[in-house]
Amino acid sequence: MLTSAGFDEITTEIQSLEDLSSNWFYAEDYHQQYLSKNPGGYCGLGSTGMSCPVGLTKENN
């Protein structure tokens, strides 16, 4: 569905926790739950406009 709409394929990279531990930082408290604390706040993660229905499989297409 996404590629036919002009988007790239979705990929996932799985790494061990040990590989990630040296590169993981928690954000400052004022950043935690930002949109909950600031209901009119800005979110830089834009939507693709595509939905992902539960139960959708390749066989259903």
Protein backbone atom coordinates (compact mmCIF):
# COMPACT_ATOMS: atom_id res chain seq x y z
CA MET A 1 0.00 0.00 0.00
CA LEU A 2 2.68 2.51 0.94
CA THR A 3 4.89 1.90 -2.07
CA SER A 4 1.93 2.16 -4.44
CA ALA A 5 1.19 5.55 -2.80
CA GLY A 6 4.77 6.69 -3.49
CA PHE A 7 6.29 5.99 -0.06
CA ASP A 8 9.34 3.84 0.69
CA GLU A 9 9.02 0.39 2.22
CA ILE A 10 8.93 0.20 6.02
CA THR A 11 12.06 -1.38 7.49
CA THR A 12 13.04 -2.31 11.02
CA GLU A 13 16.52 -2.76 12.41
CA ILE A 14 16.77 -4.92 15.52
CA GLN A 15 19.83 -4.47 17.73
CA SER A 16 20.80 -5.97 21.05
CA LEU A 17 20.31 -3.82 24.13
CA GLU A 18 24.08 -3.83 24.66
CA ASP A 19 24.56 -2.18 21.27
CA LEU A 20 22.08 0.57 22.14
CA SER A 21 23.05 1.25 25.75
CA SER A 22 25.94 3.57 24.94
CA ASN A 23 23.83 5.67 22.57
CA TRP A 24 20.61 6.02 24.58
CA PHE A 25 19.78 9.13 26.57
CA TYR A 26 16.58 10.08 28.31
CA ALA A 27 15.32 13.55 27.49
CA GLU A 28 15.06 16.18 30.19
CA ASP A 29 11.92 16.05 32.38
CA TYR A 30 10.33 19.01 30.62
CA HIS A 31 10.46 17.05 27.34
CA GLN A 32 8.81 13.94 28.78
CA GLN A 33 5.14 13.63 27.74
CA TYR A 34 5.46 16.98 25.94
CA LEU A 35 2.19 16.84 24.02
CA SER A 36 0.31 15.76 27.14
CA LYS A 37 1.70 18.77 29.03
CA ASN A 38 1.24 21.11 26.02
CA PRO A 39 -1.99 20.08 24.25
CA GLY A 40 -1.52 22.75 21.57
CA GLY A 41 2.19 22.00 21.26
CA TYR A 42 4.10 21.35 18.06
CA CYS A 43 4.91 17.82 16.99
CA GLY A 44 7.51 17.53 14.24
CA LEU A 45 6.46 13.99 13.34
CA GLY A 46 4.15 14.51 10.41
CA SER A 47 1.66 11.91 9.32
CA THR A 48 1.94 10.13 5.99
CA GLY A 49 -1.84 10.23 5.75
CA MET A 50 -1.90 6.45 5.41
CA SER A 51 -3.79 4.31 7.89
CA CYS A 52 -2.69 0.87 9.03
CA PRO A 53 -5.81 -1.21 9.69
CA VAL A 54 -5.43 -4.01 12.22
CA GLY A 55 -5.42 -7.38 10.52
CA LEU A 56 -4.21 -6.13 7.15
CA THR A 57 -1.97 -8.74 5.57
CA LYS A 58 -0.36 -9.15 2.19
CA GLU A 59 -2.96 -11.81 1.34
CA ASN A 60 -5.78 -9.27 1.90
CA ASN A 61 -4.53 -6.99 -0.89
